[in-house]
PDB file of N, CA and C in Angstrom:
ATOM      1  N   MET A   1     -35.675   0.156  37.411  1.00  0.00           N
ATOM      2  CA  MET A   1     -35.242  -1.116  37.952  1.00  0.00           C
ATOM      3  C   MET A   1     -36.266  -2.192  37.603  1.00  0.00           C
ATOM      4  N   LYS A   2     -35.811  -3.393  37.338  1.00  0.00           N
ATOM      5  CA  LYS A   2     -36.713  -4.468  36.972  1.00  0.00           C
ATOM      6  C   LYS A   2     -37.569  -4.884  38.158  1.00  0.00           C
ATOM      7  N   GLU A   3     -38.818  -5.278  37.874  1.00  0.00           N
ATOM      8  CA  GLU A   3     -39.732  -5.670  38.929  1.00  0.00           C
ATOM      9  C   GLU A   3     -39.230  -6.867  39.715  1.00  0.00           C
ATOM     10  N   GLY A   4     -38.707  -7.884  39.041  1.00  0.00           N
ATOM     11  CA  GLY A   4     -38.272  -9.107  39.700  1.00  0.00           C
ATOM     12  C   GLY A   4     -37.185  -8.869  40.736  1.00  0.00           C
ATOM     13  N   LEU A   5     -36.296  -7.932  40.467  1.00  0.00           N
ATOM     14  CA  LEU A   5     -35.215  -7.651  41.407  1.00  0.00           C
ATOM     15  C   LEU A   5     -35.737  -6.992  42.677  1.00  0.00           C
ATOM     16  N   MET A   6     -36.751  -6.181  42.546  1.00  0.00           N
ATOM     17  CA  MET A   6     -37.301  -5.507  43.715  1.00  0.00           C
ATOM     18  C   MET A   6     -38.030  -6.489  44.620  1.00  0.00           C
ATOM     19  N   GLU A   7     -38.610  -7.537  44.058  1.00  0.00           N
ATOM     20  CA  GLU A   7     -39.381  -8.503  44.831  1.00  0.00           C
ATOM     21  C   GLU A   7     -38.511  -9.583  45.452  1.00  0.00           C
ATOM     22  N   THR A   8     -37.274  -9.693  45.038  1.00  0.00           N
ATOM     23  CA  THR A   8     -36.394 -10.741  45.531  1.00  0.00           C
ATOM     24  C   THR A   8     -36.022 -10.487  46.981  1.00  0.00           C
ATOM     25  N   LYS A   9     -36.166 -11.518  47.799  1.00  0.00           N
ATOM     26  CA  LYS A   9     -35.744 -11.431  49.195  1.00  0.00           C
ATOM     27  C   LYS A   9     -34.379 -12.092  49.294  1.00  0.00           C
ATOM     28  N   TRP A  10     -33.350 -11.282  49.484  1.00  0.00           N
ATOM     29  CA  TRP A  10     -31.980 -11.774  49.572  1.00  0.00           C
ATOM     30  C   TRP A  10     -31.632 -12.075  51.018  1.00  0.00           C
ATOM     31  N   LEU A  11     -31.070 -13.252  51.238  1.00  0.00           N
ATOM     32  CA  LEU A  11     -30.703 -13.691  52.581  1.00  0.00           C
ATOM     33  C   LEU A  11     -29.188 -13.810  52.718  1.00  0.00           C
ATOM     34  N   THR A  12     -28.684 -13.533  53.903  1.00  0.00           N
ATOM     35  CA  THR A  12     -27.279 -13.780  54.212  1.00  0.00           C
ATOM     36  C   THR A  12     -27.120 -15.261  54.548  1.00  0.00           C
ATOM     37  N   VAL A  13     -25.899 -15.703  54.783  1.00  0.00           N
ATOM     38  CA  VAL A  13     -25.665 -17.107  55.149  1.00  0.00           C
ATOM     39  C   VAL A  13     -26.409 -17.448  56.439  1.00  0.00           C
ATOM     40  N   ILE A  14     -26.322 -16.572  57.421  1.00  0.00           N
ATOM     41  CA  ILE A  14     -26.995 -16.833  58.705  1.00  0.00           C
ATOM     42  C   ILE A  14     -28.504 -16.913  58.514  1.00  0.00           C
ATOM     43  N   GLU A  15     -29.061 -15.979  57.743  1.00  0.00           N
ATOM     44  CA  GLU A  15     -30.505 -15.992  57.486  1.00  0.00           C
ATOM     45  C   GLU A  15     -30.922 -17.226  56.691  1.00  0.00           C
ATOM     46  N   ALA A  16     -30.097 -17.616  55.703  1.00  0.00           N
ATOM     47  CA  ALA A  16     -30.400 -18.809  54.904  1.00  0.00           C
ATOM     48  C   ALA A  16     -30.366 -20.062  55.782  1.00  0.00           C
ATOM     49  N   ALA A  17     -29.407 -20.139  56.690  1.00  0.00           N
ATOM     50  CA  ALA A  17     -29.315 -21.282  57.595  1.00  0.00           C
ATOM     51  C   ALA A  17     -30.560 -21.362  58.478  1.00  0.00           C
ATOM     52  N   GLN A  18     -31.004 -20.242  58.993  1.00  0.00           N
ATOM     53  CA  GLN A  18     -32.217 -20.215  59.810  1.00  0.00           C
ATOM     54  C   GLN A  18     -33.432 -20.581  58.968  1.00  0.00           C
ATOM     55  N   TYR A  19     -33.492 -20.055  57.764  1.00  0.00           N
ATOM     56  CA  TYR A  19     -34.614 -20.300  56.853  1.00  0.00           C
ATOM     57  C   TYR A  19     -34.730 -21.788  56.505  1.00  0.00           C
ATOM     58  N   LEU A  20     -33.571 -22.417  56.261  1.00  0.00           N
ATOM     59  CA  LEU A  20     -33.546 -23.827  55.881  1.00  0.00           C
ATOM     60  C   LEU A  20     -33.484 -24.761  57.088  1.00  0.00           C
ATOM     61  N   LYS A  21     -33.330 -24.176  58.281  1.00  0.00           N
ATOM     62  CA  LYS A  21     -33.187 -24.946  59.514  1.00  0.00           C
ATOM     63  C   LYS A  21     -31.987 -25.895  59.427  1.00  0.00           C
ATOM     64  N   MET A  22     -30.870 -25.321  58.988  1.00  0.00           N
ATOM     65  CA  MET A  22     -29.597 -26.042  58.854  1.00  0.00           C
ATOM     66  C   MET A  22     -28.534 -25.246  59.600  1.00  0.00           C
ATOM     67  N   GLY A  23     -27.428 -25.906  59.860  1.00  0.00           N
ATOM     68  CA  GLY A  23     -26.303 -25.205  60.448  1.00  0.00           C
ATOM     69  C   GLY A  23     -25.645 -24.290  59.429  1.00  0.00           C
ATOM     70  N   ARG A  24     -25.027 -23.242  59.934  1.00  0.00           N
ATOM     71  CA  ARG A  24     -24.353 -22.283  59.054  1.00  0.00           C
ATOM     72  C   ARG A  24     -23.234 -22.956  58.276  1.00  0.00           C
ATOM     73  N   SER A  25     -22.484 -23.854  58.916  1.00  0.00           N
ATOM     74  CA  SER A  25     -21.378 -24.532  58.223  1.00  0.00           C
ATOM     75  C   SER A  25     -21.901 -25.439  57.111  1.00  0.00           C
ATOM     76  N   THR A  26     -23.079 -26.023  57.304  1.00  0.00           N
ATOM     77  CA  THR A  26     -23.683 -26.864  56.255  1.00  0.00           C
ATOM     78  C   THR A  26     -24.056 -26.015  55.052  1.00  0.00           C
ATOM     79  N   VAL A  27     -24.609 -24.838  55.306  1.00  0.00           N
ATOM     80  CA  VAL A  27     -24.980 -23.927  54.218  1.00  0.00           C
ATOM     81  C   VAL A  27     -23.733 -23.497  53.455  1.00  0.00           C
ATOM     82  N   TYR A  28     -22.671 -23.131  54.182  1.00  0.00           N
ATOM     83  CA  TYR A  28     -21.402 -22.762  53.530  1.00  0.00           C
ATOM     84  C   TYR A  28     -20.892 -23.912  52.662  1.00  0.00           C
ATOM     85  N   LYS A  29     -20.898 -25.120  53.212  1.00  0.00           N
ATOM     86  CA  LYS A  29     -20.375 -26.282  52.494  1.00  0.00           C
ATOM     87  C   LYS A  29     -21.175 -26.534  51.213  1.00  0.00           C
ATOM     88  N   LEU A  30     -22.500 -26.542  51.323  1.00  0.00           N
ATOM     89  CA  LEU A  30     -23.350 -26.774  50.146  1.00  0.00           C
ATOM     90  C   LEU A  30     -23.168 -25.668  49.109  1.00  0.00           C
ATOM     91  N   ALA A  31     -22.999 -24.442  49.570  1.00  0.00           N
ATOM     92  CA  ALA A  31     -22.786 -23.316  48.645  1.00  0.00           C
ATOM     93  C   ALA A  31     -21.446 -23.473  47.921  1.00  0.00           C
ATOM     94  N   GLN A  32     -20.402 -23.810  48.663  1.00  0.00           N
ATOM     95  CA  GLN A  32     -19.077 -23.959  48.060  1.00  0.00           C
ATOM     96  C   GLN A  32     -19.035 -25.119  47.072  1.00  0.00           C
ATOM     97  N   GLU A  33     -19.809 -26.171  47.339  1.00  0.00           N
ATOM     98  CA  GLU A  33     -19.854 -27.337  46.448  1.00  0.00           C
ATOM     99  C   GLU A  33     -20.788 -27.121  45.265  1.00  0.00           C
ATOM    100  N   GLY A  34     -21.482 -25.995  45.245  1.00  0.00           N
ATOM    101  CA  GLY A  34     -22.403 -25.708  44.144  1.00  0.00           C
ATOM    102  C   GLY A  34     -23.702 -26.478  44.231  1.00  0.00           C
ATOM    103  N   LYS A  35     -24.021 -26.996  45.402  1.00  0.00           N
ATOM    104  CA  LYS A  35     -25.236 -27.787  45.583  1.00  0.00           C
ATOM    105  C   LYS A  35     -26.422 -26.953  46.046  1.00  0.00           C
ATOM    106  N   LEU A  36     -26.160 -25.713  46.393  1.00  0.00           N
ATOM    107  CA  LEU A  36     -27.194 -24.813  46.873  1.00  0.00           C
ATOM    108  C   LEU A  36     -27.203 -23.586  45.962  1.00  0.00           C
ATOM    109  N   PRO A  37     -28.392 -23.115  45.552  1.00  0.00           N
ATOM    110  CA  PRO A  37     -28.424 -21.946  44.668  1.00  0.00           C
ATOM    111  C   PRO A  37     -27.954 -20.687  45.408  1.00  0.00           C
ATOM    112  N   THR A  38     -26.857 -20.119  44.938  1.00  0.00           N
ATOM    113  CA  THR A  38     -26.284 -18.953  45.597  1.00  0.00           C
ATOM    114  C   THR A  38     -25.877 -17.891  44.589  1.00  0.00           C
ATOM    115  N   HIS A  39     -25.618 -16.725  45.106  1.00  0.00           N
ATOM    116  CA  HIS A  39     -25.085 -15.616  44.322  1.00  0.00           C
ATOM    117  C   HIS A  39     -23.981 -15.008  45.152  1.00  0.00           C
ATOM    118  N   LYS A  40     -22.843 -14.769  44.553  1.00  0.00           N
ATOM    119  CA  LYS A  40     -21.722 -14.185  45.267  1.00  0.00           C
ATOM    120  C   LYS A  40     -21.711 -12.682  45.007  1.00  0.00           C
ATOM    121  N   VAL A  41     -21.710 -11.902  46.076  1.00  0.00           N
ATOM    122  CA  VAL A  41     -21.639 -10.450  45.988  1.00  0.00           C
ATOM    123  C   VAL A  41     -20.336 -10.055  46.659  1.00  0.00           C
ATOM    124  N   GLY A  42     -19.342  -9.771  45.836  1.00  0.00           N
ATOM    125  CA  GLY A  42     -18.006  -9.538  46.394  1.00  0.00           C
ATOM    126  C   GLY A  42     -17.504 -10.829  47.011  1.00  0.00           C
ATOM    127  N   ARG A  43     -17.231 -10.802  48.295  1.00  0.00           N
ATOM    128  CA  ARG A  43     -16.772 -12.005  48.999  1.00  0.00           C
ATOM    129  C   ARG A  43     -17.881 -12.666  49.807  1.00  0.00           C
ATOM    130  N   GLN A  44     -19.087 -12.147  49.692  1.00  0.00           N
ATOM    131  CA  GLN A  44     -20.196 -12.654  50.503  1.00  0.00           C
ATOM    132  C   GLN A  44     -21.182 -13.449  49.663  1.00  0.00           C
ATOM    133  N   TRP A  45     -21.759 -14.492  50.274  1.00  0.00           N
ATOM    134  CA  TRP A  45     -22.802 -15.280  49.640  1.00  0.00           C
ATOM    135  C   TRP A  45     -24.139 -14.617  49.915  1.00  0.00           C
ATOM    136  N   ARG A  46     -25.006 -14.629  48.909  1.00  0.00           N
ATOM    137  CA  ARG A  46     -26.389 -14.175  49.071  1.00  0.00           C
ATOM    138  C   ARG A  46     -27.292 -15.257  48.497  1.00  0.00           C
ATOM    139  N   PHE A  47     -28.443 -15.415  49.104  1.00  0.00           N
ATOM    140  CA  PHE A  47     -29.372 -16.476  48.734  1.00  0.00           C
ATOM    141  C   PHE A  47     -30.738 -15.875  48.455  1.00  0.00           C
ATOM    142  N   ASP A  48     -31.327 -16.279  47.345  1.00  0.00           N
ATOM    143  CA  ASP A  48     -32.672 -15.856  46.968  1.00  0.00           C
ATOM    144  C   ASP A  48     -33.646 -16.824  47.643  1.00  0.00           C
ATOM    145  N   ALA A  49     -34.529 -16.308  48.485  1.00  0.00           N
ATOM    146  CA  ALA A  49     -35.450 -17.159  49.245  1.00  0.00           C
ATOM    147  C   ALA A  49     -36.303 -18.042  48.323  1.00  0.00           C
ATOM    148  N   LYS A  50     -36.747 -17.507  47.185  1.00  0.00           N
ATOM    149  CA  LYS A  50     -37.567 -18.307  46.265  1.00  0.00           C
ATOM    150  C   LYS A  50     -36.760 -19.449  45.654  1.00  0.00           C
ATOM    151  N   GLU A  51     -35.486 -19.192  45.338  1.00  0.00           N
ATOM    152  CA  GLU A  51     -34.627 -20.248  44.803  1.00  0.00           C
ATOM    153  C   GLU A  51     -34.390 -21.314  45.861  1.00  0.00           C
ATOM    154  N   LEU A  52     -34.241 -20.910  47.113  1.00  0.00           N
ATOM    155  CA  LEU A  52     -34.066 -21.880  48.193  1.00  0.00           C
ATOM    156  C   LEU A  52     -35.320 -22.736  48.362  1.00  0.00           C
ATOM    157  N   ASP A  53     -36.496 -22.127  48.215  1.00  0.00           N
ATOM    158  CA  ASP A  53     -37.755 -22.886  48.291  1.00  0.00           C
ATOM    159  C   ASP A  53     -37.800 -23.964  47.208  1.00  0.00           C
ATOM    160  N   ARG A  54     -37.453 -23.573  45.978  1.00  0.00           N
ATOM    161  CA  ARG A  54     -37.461 -24.539  44.867  1.00  0.00           C
ATOM    162  C   ARG A  54     -36.437 -25.644  45.106  1.00  0.00           C
ATOM    163  N   TRP A  55     -35.244 -25.265  45.579  1.00  0.00           N
ATOM    164  CA  TRP A  55     -34.194 -26.246  45.861  1.00  0.00           C
ATOM    165  C   TRP A  55     -34.657 -27.232  46.926  1.00  0.00           C
ATOM    166  N   LEU A  56     -35.256 -26.721  47.990  1.00  0.00           N
ATOM    167  CA  LEU A  56     -35.702 -27.566  49.090  1.00  0.00           C
ATOM    168  C   LEU A  56     -36.777 -28.546  48.624  1.00  0.00           C
ATOM    169  N   LYS A  57     -37.724 -28.057  47.824  1.00  0.00           N
ATOM    170  CA  LYS A  57     -38.782 -28.933  47.308  1.00  0.00           C
ATOM    171  C   LYS A  57     -38.207 -30.011  46.407  1.00  0.00           C
ATOM    172  N   SER A  58     -37.276 -29.660  45.532  1.00  0.00           N
ATOM    173  CA  SER A  58     -36.692 -30.658  44.627  1.00  0.00           C
ATOM    174  C   SER A  58     -35.838 -31.656  45.413  1.00  0.00           C
ATOM    175  N   TRP A  59     -35.158 -31.193  46.450  1.00  0.00           N
ATOM    176  CA  TRP A  59     -34.332 -32.069  47.283  1.00  0.00           C
ATOM    177  C   TRP A  59     -35.210 -33.068  48.032  1.00  0.00           C
ATOM    178  N   LYS A  60     -36.342 -32.602  48.553  1.00  0.00           N
ATOM    179  CA  LYS A  60     -37.269 -33.493  49.260  1.00  0.00           C
ATOM    180  C   LYS A  60     -37.861 -34.520  48.301  1.00  0.00           C
ATOM    181  N   LEU A  61     -38.232 -34.088  47.097  1.00  0.00           N
ATOM    182  CA  LEU A  61     -38.784 -35.018  46.111  1.00  0.00           C
ATOM    183  C   LEU A  61     -37.762 -36.081  45.726  1.00  0.00           C
ATOM    184  N   ALA A  62     -36.518 -35.672  45.535  1.00  0.00           N
ATOM    185  CA  ALA A  62     -35.461 -36.621  45.175  1.00  0.00           C
ATOM    186  C   ALA A  62     -35.259 -37.643  46.277  1.00  0.00           C
ATOM    187  N   ASN A  63     -35.318 -37.225  47.524  1.00  0.00           N
ATOM    188  CA  ASN A  63     -35.145 -38.148  48.642  1.00  0.00           C
ATOM    189  C   ASN A  63     -36.334 -39.107  48.768  1.00  0.00           C
ATOM    190  N   LEU A  64     -37.531 -38.620  48.482  1.00  0.00           N
ATOM    191  CA  LEU A  64     -38.703 -39.492  48.519  1.00  0.00           C
ATOM    192  C   LEU A  64     -38.631 -40.543  47.417  1.00  0.00           C
ATOM    193  N   GLU A  65     -38.174 -40.144  46.229  1.00  0.00           N
ATOM    194  CA  GLU A  65     -38.063 -41.093  45.121  1.00  0.00           C
ATOM    195  C   GLU A  65     -37.002 -42.147  45.404  1.00  0.00           C
ATOM    196  N   GLU A  66     -35.928 -41.770  46.094  1.00  0.00           N
ATOM    197  CA  GLU A  66     -34.873 -42.735  46.428  1.00  0.00           C
ATOM    198  C   GLU A  66     -35.400 -43.803  47.380  1.00  0.00           C
ATOM    199  N   ARG A  67     -36.290 -43.416  48.269  1.00  0.00           N
ATOM    200  CA  ARG A  67     -36.826 -44.349  49.271  1.00  0.00           C
ATOM    201  C   ARG A  67     -37.857 -45.296  48.687  1.00  0.00           C
ATOM    202  N   SER A  68     -38.456 -44.912  47.558  1.00  0.00           N
ATOM    203  CA  SER A  68     -39.509 -45.741  46.949  1.00  0.00           C
ATOM    204  C   SER A  68     -38.938 -46.938  46.235  1.00  0.00           C
TER     205      SER A  68
END
């Protein structure tokens, strides 16, 4: 098995919502709109914690640049 896959922390929608401090419905909406990095496993969404970290940092930077 590849090393990167073993180190990946996969989150469910509920865990991702808690991790991002967002509502579950917001996470679902962003995932369905393709605005949040997700992976679909069957009918379930899975989220890579490292990808969520990168997304959150880029989202914060974009919002700071808009305010400047």
